């Protein structure tokens, strides 16, 4: 996708996993709550569609970065709750450092004449 075609709220490629890990660093959540937290904490700019969220959760679980168990949500519905594993916390720390370096570099380029 060309940058000009991106819509506000679209995630940069590769950032969804990091955002999920960051969300779960605050505690276990079910899928809908993860999407809602990302949206709310970004002042409603970032939106995570179900079609992207659940495959990402499954992928992170297969990598051993998340664990999941069934529970009951706030509205009394059966839901899968995800939480970080030790490997997930380590991956989040690595991703955070990488993102920080990348965002600083992009800001430098965008700020240059």
N, C-alpha and C. Protein backbone atom coordinates (compact mmCIF):
# COMPACT_ATOMS: atom_id res chain seq x y z
N UNK A 1 0.84 -1.17 0.00
CA UNK A 1 0.00 0.00 0.00
C UNK A 1 0.89 1.24 0.00
N UNK A 2 0.61 2.17 -0.87
CA UNK A 2 1.33 3.43 -0.91
C UNK A 2 0.91 4.29 0.27
N UNK A 3 1.83 5.10 0.75
CA UNK A 3 1.55 5.93 1.90
C UNK A 3 0.33 6.82 1.66
N UNK A 4 0.18 7.35 0.46
CA UNK A 4 -0.95 8.21 0.16
C UNK A 4 -2.28 7.49 0.23
N UNK A 5 -2.27 6.17 0.13
CA UNK A 5 -3.50 5.39 0.18
C UNK A 5 -3.89 5.00 1.59
N UNK A 6 -2.99 5.18 2.55
CA UNK A 6 -3.28 4.80 3.93
C UNK A 6 -4.35 5.73 4.51
N UNK A 7 -5.22 5.13 5.31
CA UNK A 7 -6.26 5.90 5.99
C UNK A 7 -5.83 6.10 7.43
N UNK A 8 -6.32 7.20 8.02
CA UNK A 8 -6.04 7.40 9.43
C UNK A 8 -6.57 6.20 10.20
N UNK A 9 -5.78 5.70 11.12
CA UNK A 9 -6.18 4.53 11.88
C UNK A 9 -5.54 3.24 11.38
N UNK A 10 -5.00 3.26 10.15
CA UNK A 10 -4.30 2.09 9.64
C UNK A 10 -3.02 1.90 10.45
N UNK A 11 -2.69 0.66 10.74
CA UNK A 11 -1.47 0.37 11.48
C UNK A 11 -0.32 0.15 10.51
N UNK A 12 0.86 0.59 10.91
CA UNK A 12 2.05 0.29 10.12
C UNK A 12 2.29 -1.21 10.16
N UNK A 13 2.78 -1.74 9.06
CA UNK A 13 3.06 -3.17 9.01
C UNK A 13 4.01 -3.55 10.14
N UNK A 14 3.69 -4.60 10.85
CA UNK A 14 4.54 -5.09 11.92
C UNK A 14 4.29 -4.49 13.28
N UNK A 15 3.38 -3.53 13.40
CA UNK A 15 3.17 -2.89 14.71
C UNK A 15 2.07 -3.56 15.53
N UNK A 16 1.18 -4.30 14.90
CA UNK A 16 0.06 -4.87 15.64
C UNK A 16 0.53 -5.81 16.74
N UNK A 17 1.48 -6.68 16.45
CA UNK A 17 1.97 -7.60 17.47
C UNK A 17 2.51 -6.84 18.68
N UNK A 18 3.29 -5.80 18.41
CA UNK A 18 3.87 -5.00 19.49
C UNK A 18 2.77 -4.33 20.32
N UNK A 19 1.74 -3.80 19.66
CA UNK A 19 0.65 -3.15 20.38
C UNK A 19 -0.14 -4.14 21.23
N UNK A 20 -0.32 -5.35 20.73
CA UNK A 20 -1.00 -6.39 21.51
C UNK A 20 -0.18 -6.74 22.74
N UNK A 21 1.12 -6.94 22.55
CA UNK A 21 1.99 -7.27 23.68
C UNK A 21 1.96 -6.15 24.72
N UNK A 22 2.02 -4.91 24.26
CA UNK A 22 1.99 -3.77 25.19
C UNK A 22 0.67 -3.74 25.97
N UNK A 23 -0.42 -3.98 25.27
CA UNK A 23 -1.73 -3.99 25.93
C UNK A 23 -1.78 -5.06 27.02
N UNK A 24 -1.26 -6.23 26.72
CA UNK A 24 -1.32 -7.34 27.67
C UNK A 24 -0.30 -7.22 28.79
N UNK A 25 0.67 -6.32 28.64
CA UNK A 25 1.61 -6.06 29.74
C UNK A 25 0.87 -5.46 30.92
N UNK A 26 -0.30 -4.90 30.67
CA UNK A 26 -1.13 -4.30 31.73
C UNK A 26 -2.02 -5.34 32.41
N UNK A 27 -2.05 -6.56 31.89
CA UNK A 27 -2.87 -7.61 32.48
C UNK A 27 -3.64 -8.37 31.42
N UNK A 28 -4.20 -9.50 31.80
CA UNK A 28 -4.94 -10.36 30.87
C UNK A 28 -6.19 -9.65 30.35
N UNK A 29 -6.46 -9.86 29.06
CA UNK A 29 -7.64 -9.28 28.43
C UNK A 29 -8.15 -10.22 27.36
N UNK A 30 -9.44 -10.09 27.05
CA UNK A 30 -10.00 -10.84 25.92
C UNK A 30 -9.84 -9.98 24.67
N UNK A 31 -10.06 -10.59 23.51
CA UNK A 31 -9.79 -9.92 22.24
C UNK A 31 -10.46 -8.57 22.09
N UNK A 32 -11.74 -8.49 22.35
CA UNK A 32 -12.45 -7.22 22.19
C UNK A 32 -11.86 -6.14 23.10
N UNK A 33 -11.50 -6.51 24.33
CA UNK A 33 -10.91 -5.55 25.26
C UNK A 33 -9.54 -5.08 24.78
N UNK A 34 -8.79 -5.96 24.13
CA UNK A 34 -7.50 -5.57 23.56
C UNK A 34 -7.70 -4.50 22.50
N UNK A 35 -8.61 -4.77 21.57
CA UNK A 35 -8.89 -3.81 20.49
C UNK A 35 -9.38 -2.48 21.06
N UNK A 36 -10.25 -2.53 22.06
CA UNK A 36 -10.78 -1.32 22.67
C UNK A 36 -9.69 -0.52 23.38
N UNK A 37 -8.79 -1.20 24.08
CA UNK A 37 -7.72 -0.51 24.80
C UNK A 37 -6.79 0.20 23.83
N UNK A 38 -6.44 -0.48 22.73
CA UNK A 38 -5.56 0.14 21.73
C UNK A 38 -6.24 1.39 21.15
N UNK A 39 -7.50 1.28 20.83
CA UNK A 39 -8.25 2.41 20.28
C UNK A 39 -8.31 3.56 21.29
N UNK A 40 -8.70 3.27 22.50
CA UNK A 40 -8.86 4.29 23.53
C UNK A 40 -7.53 4.95 23.89
N UNK A 41 -6.48 4.15 24.03
CA UNK A 41 -5.19 4.72 24.44
C UNK A 41 -4.52 5.49 23.31
N UNK A 42 -5.00 5.34 22.08
CA UNK A 42 -4.47 6.12 20.95
C UNK A 42 -5.39 7.30 20.63
N UNK A 43 -6.27 7.65 21.55
CA UNK A 43 -7.25 8.72 21.33
C UNK A 43 -8.10 8.45 20.10
N UNK A 44 -8.52 7.21 19.96
CA UNK A 44 -9.40 6.77 18.87
C UNK A 44 -8.79 6.91 17.48
N UNK A 45 -7.48 6.89 17.38
CA UNK A 45 -6.82 6.98 16.07
C UNK A 45 -6.53 5.59 15.51
N UNK A 46 -6.05 4.68 16.35
CA UNK A 46 -5.73 3.33 15.89
C UNK A 46 -6.92 2.41 16.12
N UNK A 47 -7.32 1.73 15.07
CA UNK A 47 -8.42 0.77 15.16
C UNK A 47 -7.92 -0.59 14.71
N UNK A 48 -8.24 -1.61 15.48
CA UNK A 48 -7.83 -2.96 15.15
C UNK A 48 -9.07 -3.76 14.76
N UNK A 49 -9.10 -4.19 13.53
CA UNK A 49 -10.22 -4.97 13.03
C UNK A 49 -10.09 -6.42 13.49
N UNK A 50 -11.23 -7.08 13.70
CA UNK A 50 -11.23 -8.48 14.11
C UNK A 50 -10.45 -9.36 13.15
N UNK A 51 -10.54 -9.05 11.87
CA UNK A 51 -9.85 -9.85 10.85
C UNK A 51 -8.35 -9.79 10.95
N UNK A 52 -7.82 -8.81 11.64
CA UNK A 52 -6.38 -8.71 11.88
C UNK A 52 -6.04 -9.16 13.30
N UNK A 53 -6.91 -8.84 14.25
CA UNK A 53 -6.62 -9.11 15.66
C UNK A 53 -6.51 -10.59 15.98
N UNK A 54 -7.52 -11.36 15.62
CA UNK A 54 -7.54 -12.76 16.04
C UNK A 54 -6.45 -13.61 15.38
N UNK A 55 -6.13 -13.40 14.11
CA UNK A 55 -4.97 -14.12 13.56
C UNK A 55 -3.67 -13.72 14.27
N UNK A 56 -3.54 -12.44 14.63
CA UNK A 56 -2.33 -12.00 15.34
C UNK A 56 -2.25 -12.65 16.73
N UNK A 57 -3.37 -12.72 17.44
CA UNK A 57 -3.38 -13.38 18.75
C UNK A 57 -2.99 -14.85 18.62
N UNK A 58 -3.53 -15.50 17.61
CA UNK A 58 -3.21 -16.91 17.39
C UNK A 58 -1.72 -17.08 17.06
N UNK A 59 -1.20 -16.22 16.21
CA UNK A 59 0.22 -16.27 15.83
C UNK A 59 1.11 -16.06 17.05
N UNK A 60 0.77 -15.08 17.89
CA UNK A 60 1.56 -14.81 19.09
C UNK A 60 1.50 -15.97 20.08
N UNK A 61 0.35 -16.60 20.14
CA UNK A 61 0.20 -17.77 21.02
C UNK A 61 1.06 -18.93 20.51
N UNK A 62 1.05 -19.15 19.20
CA UNK A 62 1.87 -20.22 18.61
C UNK A 62 3.37 -19.98 18.82
N UNK A 63 3.76 -18.72 18.85
CA UNK A 63 5.17 -18.36 19.09
C UNK A 63 5.55 -18.48 20.57
N UNK A 64 4.57 -18.72 21.43
CA UNK A 64 4.84 -18.83 22.86
C UNK A 64 4.91 -17.49 23.57
N UNK A 65 4.44 -16.43 22.93
CA UNK A 65 4.49 -15.10 23.54
C UNK A 65 3.25 -14.80 24.37
N UNK A 66 2.18 -15.55 24.13
CA UNK A 66 0.92 -15.41 24.86
C UNK A 66 0.44 -16.76 25.33
N UNK A 67 -0.34 -16.76 26.38
CA UNK A 67 -1.10 -17.92 26.81
C UNK A 67 -2.55 -17.49 26.87
N UNK A 68 -3.44 -18.43 26.65
CA UNK A 68 -4.87 -18.09 26.66
C UNK A 68 -5.65 -19.11 27.46
N UNK A 69 -6.72 -18.64 28.09
CA UNK A 69 -7.64 -19.53 28.78
C UNK A 69 -9.04 -18.95 28.69
N UNK A 70 -10.00 -19.83 28.76
CA UNK A 70 -11.40 -19.40 28.68
C UNK A 70 -11.84 -18.82 30.01
N UNK A 71 -12.67 -17.80 29.93
CA UNK A 71 -13.22 -17.16 31.11
C UNK A 71 -14.51 -16.47 30.74
N UNK A 72 -14.99 -15.64 31.65
CA UNK A 72 -16.24 -14.91 31.43
C UNK A 72 -15.93 -13.41 31.39
N UNK A 73 -16.42 -12.75 30.36
CA UNK A 73 -16.16 -11.32 30.17
C UNK A 73 -17.05 -10.49 31.10
N UNK A 74 -16.85 -9.17 31.05
CA UNK A 74 -17.60 -8.24 31.88
C UNK A 74 -19.10 -8.33 31.63
N UNK A 75 -19.48 -8.66 30.40
CA UNK A 75 -20.90 -8.75 30.06
C UNK A 75 -21.42 -10.20 30.11
N UNK A 76 -20.73 -11.02 30.90
CA UNK A 76 -21.16 -12.39 31.18
C UNK A 76 -21.13 -13.32 29.96
N UNK A 77 -20.22 -13.06 29.03
CA UNK A 77 -20.08 -13.93 27.87
C UNK A 77 -18.79 -14.71 27.98
N UNK A 78 -18.81 -15.89 27.44
CA UNK A 78 -17.61 -16.72 27.41
C UNK A 78 -16.61 -16.09 26.45
N UNK A 79 -15.37 -15.94 26.91
CA UNK A 79 -14.34 -15.29 26.10
C UNK A 79 -12.98 -15.90 26.42
N UNK A 80 -12.09 -15.80 25.45
CA UNK A 80 -10.71 -16.24 25.66
C UNK A 80 -9.90 -15.07 26.18
N UNK A 81 -9.25 -15.27 27.29
CA UNK A 81 -8.42 -14.23 27.90
C UNK A 81 -6.95 -14.55 27.62
N UNK A 82 -6.24 -13.55 27.15
CA UNK A 82 -4.83 -13.70 26.78
C UNK A 82 -3.96 -13.00 27.80
N UNK A 83 -2.78 -13.58 28.05
CA UNK A 83 -1.81 -12.95 28.93
C UNK A 83 -0.41 -13.22 28.40
N UNK A 84 0.50 -12.33 28.74
CA UNK A 84 1.89 -12.46 28.30
C UNK A 84 2.59 -13.61 29.01
N UNK A 85 3.46 -14.26 28.30
CA UNK A 85 4.38 -15.21 28.90
C UNK A 85 5.69 -14.49 29.19
N UNK A 86 6.63 -15.16 29.81
CA UNK A 86 7.95 -14.57 30.04
C UNK A 86 8.59 -14.20 28.69
N UNK A 87 8.44 -15.09 27.71
CA UNK A 87 8.98 -14.81 26.37
C UNK A 87 8.28 -13.60 25.75
N UNK A 88 7.00 -13.43 26.03
CA UNK A 88 6.26 -12.28 25.53
C UNK A 88 6.77 -10.97 26.11
N UNK A 89 7.10 -11.00 27.40
CA UNK A 89 7.65 -9.79 28.03
C UNK A 89 9.01 -9.44 27.44
N UNK A 90 9.80 -10.46 27.18
CA UNK A 90 11.12 -10.23 26.58
C UNK A 90 10.96 -9.67 25.15
N UNK A 91 10.04 -10.24 24.39
CA UNK A 91 9.79 -9.75 23.02
C UNK A 91 9.30 -8.31 23.05
N UNK A 92 8.45 -7.97 24.01
CA UNK A 92 7.96 -6.60 24.13
C UNK A 92 9.11 -5.64 24.41
N UNK A 93 10.01 -6.01 25.28
CA UNK A 93 11.16 -5.14 25.58
C UNK A 93 12.01 -4.92 24.32
N UNK A 94 12.24 -5.97 23.57
CA UNK A 94 13.01 -5.87 22.33
C UNK A 94 12.28 -5.00 21.31
N UNK A 95 10.98 -5.25 21.13
CA UNK A 95 10.18 -4.46 20.18
C UNK A 95 10.13 -2.99 20.57
N UNK A 96 10.04 -2.71 21.86
CA UNK A 96 9.98 -1.33 22.33
C UNK A 96 11.26 -0.58 21.99
N UNK A 97 12.40 -1.22 22.21
CA UNK A 97 13.68 -0.58 21.87
C UNK A 97 13.79 -0.36 20.37
N UNK A 98 13.41 -1.35 19.59
CA UNK A 98 13.47 -1.24 18.14
C UNK A 98 12.55 -0.12 17.65
N UNK A 99 11.33 -0.06 18.17
CA UNK A 99 10.37 0.96 17.77
C UNK A 99 10.87 2.35 18.13
N UNK A 100 11.47 2.49 19.30
CA UNK A 100 12.00 3.78 19.72
C UNK A 100 13.07 4.27 18.75
N UNK A 101 14.00 3.40 18.40
CA UNK A 101 15.06 3.78 17.45
C UNK A 101 14.46 4.13 16.09
N UNK A 102 13.52 3.33 15.62
CA UNK A 102 12.90 3.55 14.32
C UNK A 102 12.13 4.86 14.29
N UNK A 103 11.32 5.13 15.32
CA UNK A 103 10.52 6.34 15.32
C UNK A 103 11.39 7.60 15.41
N UNK A 104 12.50 7.54 16.13
CA UNK A 104 13.43 8.66 16.19
C UNK A 104 14.05 8.90 14.82
N UNK A 105 14.45 7.82 14.15
CA UNK A 105 15.05 7.94 12.82
C UNK A 105 14.07 8.53 11.82
N UNK A 106 12.83 8.08 11.85
CA UNK A 106 11.82 8.61 10.93
C UNK A 106 11.56 10.08 11.22
N UNK A 107 11.48 10.45 12.49
CA UNK A 107 11.27 11.86 12.86
C UNK A 107 12.41 12.72 12.35
N UNK A 108 13.64 12.21 12.41
CA UNK A 108 14.79 12.96 11.90
C UNK A 108 14.65 13.19 10.40
N UNK A 109 14.31 12.15 9.68
CA UNK A 109 14.17 12.26 8.23
C UNK A 109 13.05 13.23 7.88
N UNK A 110 11.91 13.10 8.55
CA UNK A 110 10.76 13.96 8.25
C UNK A 110 11.01 15.41 8.66
N UNK A 111 11.88 15.63 9.62
CA UNK A 111 12.19 16.98 10.08
C UNK A 111 13.31 17.66 9.31
N UNK A 112 13.99 16.90 8.45
CA UNK A 112 15.09 17.49 7.68
C UNK A 112 14.55 18.27 6.49
N UNK A 113 15.36 19.23 6.06
CA UNK A 113 14.93 20.11 4.96
C UNK A 113 14.92 19.42 3.61
